Amino acid sequence: MDHNSDEMGRLAGYYNKRIDELLDSLRRTLDAPRELTQGLTYREFLDIQRLCENLRESVTIRDTMGTHSNTDRDLYRWIAHPNKYPAPAAQEDPVTV
């Protein structure tokens, strides 16, 4: 079974893209000028909290899909537990010997 026919792998890939988008949104939110000179407004706090909650949810779903994927299982095991599982061959740096 190749990656293209692995539905769980495709879903994990979707959540990888969503995670990148959420991280970009979080960075933009954190880099935006503050409404107050000190601290956050409640609305600013809620924006940050919402993005963090969406990020946590996406990572959890992505890892669940990836660990049930026939093609991505090793990758997501390594992401979730890097000291327990070795990096998949495709993730190893070819320059480092």
N, C-alpha and C. Protein backbone atom coordinates (compact mmCIF):
# COMPACT_ATOMS: atom_id res chain seq x y z
N MET A 1 0.85 -1.18 0.00
CA MET A 1 0.00 0.00 0.00
C MET A 1 0.89 1.24 0.00
N ASP A 2 0.70 2.13 -0.96
CA ASP A 2 1.51 3.33 -1.02
C ASP A 2 0.82 4.47 -0.27
N HIS A 3 1.55 5.55 -0.14
CA HIS A 3 1.05 6.70 0.63
C HIS A 3 -0.25 7.25 0.04
N ASN A 4 -0.36 7.25 -1.28
CA ASN A 4 -1.54 7.82 -1.92
C ASN A 4 -2.80 7.03 -1.62
N SER A 5 -2.67 5.74 -1.33
CA SER A 5 -3.85 4.94 -1.05
C SER A 5 -4.09 4.78 0.45
N ASP A 6 -3.31 5.46 1.26
CA ASP A 6 -3.41 5.36 2.71
C ASP A 6 -4.18 6.56 3.24
N GLU A 7 -5.48 6.34 3.53
CA GLU A 7 -6.35 7.44 3.97
C GLU A 7 -5.85 8.08 5.26
N MET A 8 -5.39 7.29 6.20
CA MET A 8 -4.89 7.85 7.46
C MET A 8 -3.67 8.73 7.21
N GLY A 9 -2.81 8.34 6.30
CA GLY A 9 -1.65 9.14 5.95
C GLY A 9 -2.06 10.47 5.33
N ARG A 10 -3.08 10.44 4.47
CA ARG A 10 -3.57 11.69 3.86
C ARG A 10 -4.16 12.62 4.92
N LEU A 11 -4.92 12.04 5.85
CA LEU A 11 -5.50 12.87 6.91
C LEU A 11 -4.40 13.46 7.80
N ALA A 12 -3.38 12.67 8.10
CA ALA A 12 -2.26 13.18 8.90
C ALA A 12 -1.57 14.32 8.15
N GLY A 13 -1.42 14.19 6.84
CA GLY A 13 -0.84 15.25 6.03
C GLY A 13 -1.68 16.52 6.06
N TYR A 14 -3.00 16.37 6.04
CA TYR A 14 -3.90 17.52 6.15
C TYR A 14 -3.65 18.26 7.47
N TYR A 15 -3.54 17.50 8.55
CA TYR A 15 -3.33 18.13 9.85
C TYR A 15 -1.93 18.72 9.97
N ASN A 16 -0.94 18.16 9.29
CA ASN A 16 0.39 18.80 9.25
C ASN A 16 0.28 20.20 8.66
N LYS A 17 -0.47 20.32 7.56
CA LYS A 17 -0.65 21.64 6.93
C LYS A 17 -1.42 22.57 7.86
N ARG A 18 -2.43 22.04 8.52
CA ARG A 18 -3.22 22.86 9.45
C ARG A 18 -2.35 23.35 10.61
N ILE A 19 -1.47 22.50 11.11
CA ILE A 19 -0.56 22.88 12.19
C ILE A 19 0.34 24.03 11.74
N ASP A 20 0.87 23.94 10.53
CA ASP A 20 1.71 25.02 10.01
C ASP A 20 0.92 26.33 9.93
N GLU A 21 -0.34 26.26 9.46
CA GLU A 21 -1.16 27.46 9.36
C GLU A 21 -1.46 28.04 10.74
N LEU A 22 -1.75 27.17 11.71
CA LEU A 22 -2.02 27.65 13.06
C LEU A 22 -0.78 28.28 13.69
N LEU A 23 0.39 27.67 13.45
CA LEU A 23 1.62 28.25 13.97
C LEU A 23 1.88 29.64 13.38
N ASP A 24 1.64 29.78 12.07
CA ASP A 24 1.80 31.08 11.43
C ASP A 24 0.84 32.11 12.04
N SER A 25 -0.41 31.70 12.26
CA SER A 25 -1.40 32.60 12.87
C SER A 25 -0.99 32.98 14.29
N LEU A 26 -0.50 32.02 15.04
CA LEU A 26 -0.06 32.30 16.41
C LEU A 26 1.11 33.27 16.41
N ARG A 27 2.07 33.07 15.51
CA ARG A 27 3.21 33.99 15.42
C ARG A 27 2.76 35.40 15.07
N ARG A 28 1.83 35.51 14.11
CA ARG A 28 1.32 36.84 13.73
C ARG A 28 0.60 37.50 14.91
N THR A 29 -0.17 36.71 15.65
CA THR A 29 -0.89 37.24 16.80
C THR A 29 0.08 37.72 17.87
N LEU A 30 1.12 36.93 18.13
CA LEU A 30 2.09 37.31 19.15
C LEU A 30 2.94 38.51 18.72
N ASP A 31 3.15 38.66 17.42
CA ASP A 31 3.95 39.78 16.90
C ASP A 31 3.14 41.07 16.73
N ALA A 32 1.83 40.98 16.80
CA ALA A 32 0.98 42.15 16.60
C ALA A 32 1.18 43.14 17.75
N PRO A 33 1.04 44.44 17.45
CA PRO A 33 1.15 45.45 18.52
C PRO A 33 0.06 45.22 19.58
N ARG A 34 0.42 45.43 20.82
CA ARG A 34 -0.50 45.23 21.93
C ARG A 34 -1.41 46.44 22.09
N GLU A 35 -2.62 46.18 22.53
CA GLU A 35 -3.57 47.27 22.77
C GLU A 35 -3.21 48.05 24.03
N LEU A 36 -2.57 47.37 24.99
CA LEU A 36 -2.15 48.00 26.23
C LEU A 36 -0.63 48.08 26.26
N THR A 37 -0.11 49.03 27.00
CA THR A 37 1.36 49.11 27.11
C THR A 37 1.91 48.00 27.99
N GLN A 38 1.11 47.52 28.92
CA GLN A 38 1.52 46.40 29.77
C GLN A 38 0.42 45.35 29.76
N GLY A 39 0.80 44.11 29.58
CA GLY A 39 -0.15 43.02 29.66
C GLY A 39 -0.98 42.83 28.40
N LEU A 40 -2.02 42.03 28.54
CA LEU A 40 -2.91 41.70 27.44
C LEU A 40 -4.33 42.11 27.78
N THR A 41 -5.09 42.45 26.76
CA THR A 41 -6.53 42.59 26.97
C THR A 41 -7.12 41.19 27.02
N TYR A 42 -8.32 41.09 27.52
CA TYR A 42 -8.96 39.78 27.60
C TYR A 42 -9.17 39.20 26.20
N ARG A 43 -9.52 40.03 25.24
CA ARG A 43 -9.71 39.58 23.86
C ARG A 43 -8.41 39.05 23.28
N GLU A 44 -7.30 39.73 23.54
CA GLU A 44 -6.00 39.25 23.05
C GLU A 44 -5.67 37.89 23.67
N PHE A 45 -5.93 37.75 24.96
CA PHE A 45 -5.71 36.49 25.63
C PHE A 45 -6.55 35.38 25.01
N LEU A 46 -7.83 35.66 24.74
CA LEU A 46 -8.71 34.66 24.15
C LEU A 46 -8.24 34.26 22.75
N ASP A 47 -7.73 35.22 21.97
CA ASP A 47 -7.20 34.90 20.64
C ASP A 47 -6.04 33.92 20.75
N ILE A 48 -5.13 34.19 21.67
CA ILE A 48 -3.98 33.31 21.87
C ILE A 48 -4.42 31.94 22.37
N GLN A 49 -5.33 31.94 23.33
CA GLN A 49 -5.82 30.68 23.89
C GLN A 49 -6.51 29.83 22.82
N ARG A 50 -7.34 30.45 22.00
CA ARG A 50 -8.05 29.73 20.93
C ARG A 50 -7.07 29.09 19.96
N LEU A 51 -6.06 29.85 19.55
CA LEU A 51 -5.06 29.30 18.63
C LEU A 51 -4.30 28.14 19.27
N CYS A 52 -3.95 28.28 20.54
CA CYS A 52 -3.23 27.19 21.23
C CYS A 52 -4.10 25.95 21.37
N GLU A 53 -5.38 26.12 21.66
CA GLU A 53 -6.28 24.98 21.76
C GLU A 53 -6.46 24.29 20.41
N ASN A 54 -6.60 25.08 19.34
CA ASN A 54 -6.70 24.50 18.01
C ASN A 54 -5.42 23.77 17.62
N LEU A 55 -4.29 24.33 18.02
CA LEU A 55 -3.01 23.70 17.74
C LEU A 55 -2.89 22.36 18.48
N ARG A 56 -3.24 22.35 19.75
CA ARG A 56 -3.20 21.11 20.54
C ARG A 56 -4.12 20.05 19.93
N GLU A 57 -5.32 20.44 19.56
CA GLU A 57 -6.27 19.50 18.96
C GLU A 57 -5.72 18.93 17.64
N SER A 58 -5.15 19.80 16.81
CA SER A 58 -4.61 19.35 15.53
C SER A 58 -3.44 18.40 15.70
N VAL A 59 -2.56 18.69 16.65
CA VAL A 59 -1.41 17.80 16.90
C VAL A 59 -1.91 16.44 17.39
N THR A 60 -2.88 16.43 18.28
CA THR A 60 -3.42 15.18 18.80
C THR A 60 -4.05 14.35 17.68
N ILE A 61 -4.87 15.00 16.86
CA ILE A 61 -5.51 14.28 15.75
C ILE A 61 -4.47 13.80 14.75
N ARG A 62 -3.52 14.68 14.40
CA ARG A 62 -2.47 14.31 13.46
C ARG A 62 -1.69 13.08 13.94
N ASP A 63 -1.33 13.08 15.20
CA ASP A 63 -0.57 11.95 15.72
C ASP A 63 -1.40 10.68 15.75
N THR A 64 -2.69 10.80 16.06
CA THR A 64 -3.57 9.63 16.04
C THR A 64 -3.67 9.07 14.63
N MET A 65 -3.89 9.94 13.66
CA MET A 65 -3.99 9.49 12.26
C MET A 65 -2.68 8.89 11.79
N GLY A 66 -1.58 9.55 12.14
CA GLY A 66 -0.27 9.08 11.69
C GLY A 66 0.10 7.73 12.27
N THR A 67 -0.23 7.50 13.54
CA THR A 67 0.14 6.23 14.15
C THR A 67 -0.75 5.10 13.65
N HIS A 68 -1.89 5.42 13.04
CA HIS A 68 -2.74 4.39 12.45
C HIS A 68 -2.53 4.28 10.93
N SER A 69 -1.62 5.07 10.41
CA SER A 69 -1.34 5.05 8.98
C SER A 69 -0.35 3.94 8.66
N ASN A 70 -0.61 3.22 7.58
CA ASN A 70 0.33 2.17 7.16
C ASN A 70 1.66 2.74 6.71
N THR A 71 1.64 3.95 6.16
CA THR A 71 2.88 4.52 5.64
C THR A 71 3.56 5.49 6.58
N ASP A 72 2.83 6.05 7.53
CA ASP A 72 3.41 7.09 8.39
C ASP A 72 3.61 6.66 9.84
N ARG A 73 3.30 5.44 10.18
CA ARG A 73 3.38 4.98 11.57
C ARG A 73 4.74 5.25 12.18
N ASP A 74 5.81 4.88 11.50
CA ASP A 74 7.16 5.08 12.05
C ASP A 74 7.49 6.56 12.25
N LEU A 75 7.06 7.40 11.32
CA LEU A 75 7.32 8.84 11.44
C LEU A 75 6.64 9.41 12.68
N TYR A 76 5.39 9.08 12.90
CA TYR A 76 4.67 9.67 14.02
C TYR A 76 5.06 9.07 15.36
N ARG A 77 5.49 7.84 15.36
CA ARG A 77 6.04 7.28 16.60
C ARG A 77 7.30 8.04 16.98
N TRP A 78 8.14 8.34 16.00
CA TRP A 78 9.38 9.07 16.24
C TRP A 78 9.08 10.50 16.70
N ILE A 79 8.08 11.16 16.07
CA ILE A 79 7.71 12.52 16.47
C ILE A 79 7.21 12.54 17.91
N ALA A 80 6.36 11.58 18.25
CA ALA A 80 5.77 11.56 19.58
C ALA A 80 6.76 11.12 20.65
N HIS A 81 7.65 10.19 20.32
CA HIS A 81 8.60 9.64 21.30
C HIS A 81 9.99 9.51 20.67
N PRO A 82 10.68 10.65 20.44
CA PRO A 82 11.96 10.61 19.72
C PRO A 82 13.05 9.81 20.43
N ASN A 83 13.00 9.71 21.74
CA ASN A 83 14.04 8.95 22.45
C ASN A 83 13.74 7.46 22.50
N LYS A 84 12.51 7.10 22.20
CA LYS A 84 12.10 5.69 22.26
C LYS A 84 12.19 5.02 20.89
N TYR A 85 11.86 5.77 19.82
CA TYR A 85 11.85 5.20 18.47
C TYR A 85 12.88 5.92 17.60
N PRO A 86 13.56 5.20 16.74
CA PRO A 86 14.54 5.85 15.83
C PRO A 86 13.82 6.63 14.73
N ALA A 87 14.53 7.58 14.16
CA ALA A 87 13.98 8.34 13.04
C ALA A 87 13.82 7.41 11.85
N PRO A 88 12.70 7.53 11.12
CA PRO A 88 12.54 6.73 9.90
C PRO A 88 13.64 7.07 8.90
N ALA A 89 13.96 6.15 8.04
CA ALA A 89 15.05 6.35 7.08
C ALA A 89 14.87 7.62 6.27
N ALA A 90 13.65 7.95 5.90
CA ALA A 90 13.39 9.15 5.09
C ALA A 90 13.64 10.42 5.88
N GLN A 91 13.65 10.37 7.21
CA GLN A 91 13.83 11.54 8.04
C GLN A 91 15.28 11.75 8.47
N GLU A 92 16.12 10.77 8.27
CA GLU A 92 17.51 10.90 8.68
C GLU A 92 18.24 11.86 7.75
N ASP A 93 19.14 12.63 8.31
CA ASP A 93 19.89 13.62 7.55
C ASP A 93 20.98 12.89 6.76
N PRO A 94 20.92 12.93 5.42
CA PRO A 94 21.91 12.20 4.62
C PRO A 94 23.31 12.79 4.72
N VAL A 95 23.44 14.05 5.16
CA VAL A 95 24.75 14.68 5.26
C VAL A 95 25.49 14.16 6.50
N THR A 96 24.75 13.92 7.59
CA THR A 96 25.35 13.44 8.82
C THR A 96 25.68 11.95 8.69
N VAL A 97 26.93 11.62 8.96
CA VAL A 97 27.35 10.22 8.87
C VAL A 97 27.85 9.75 10.20
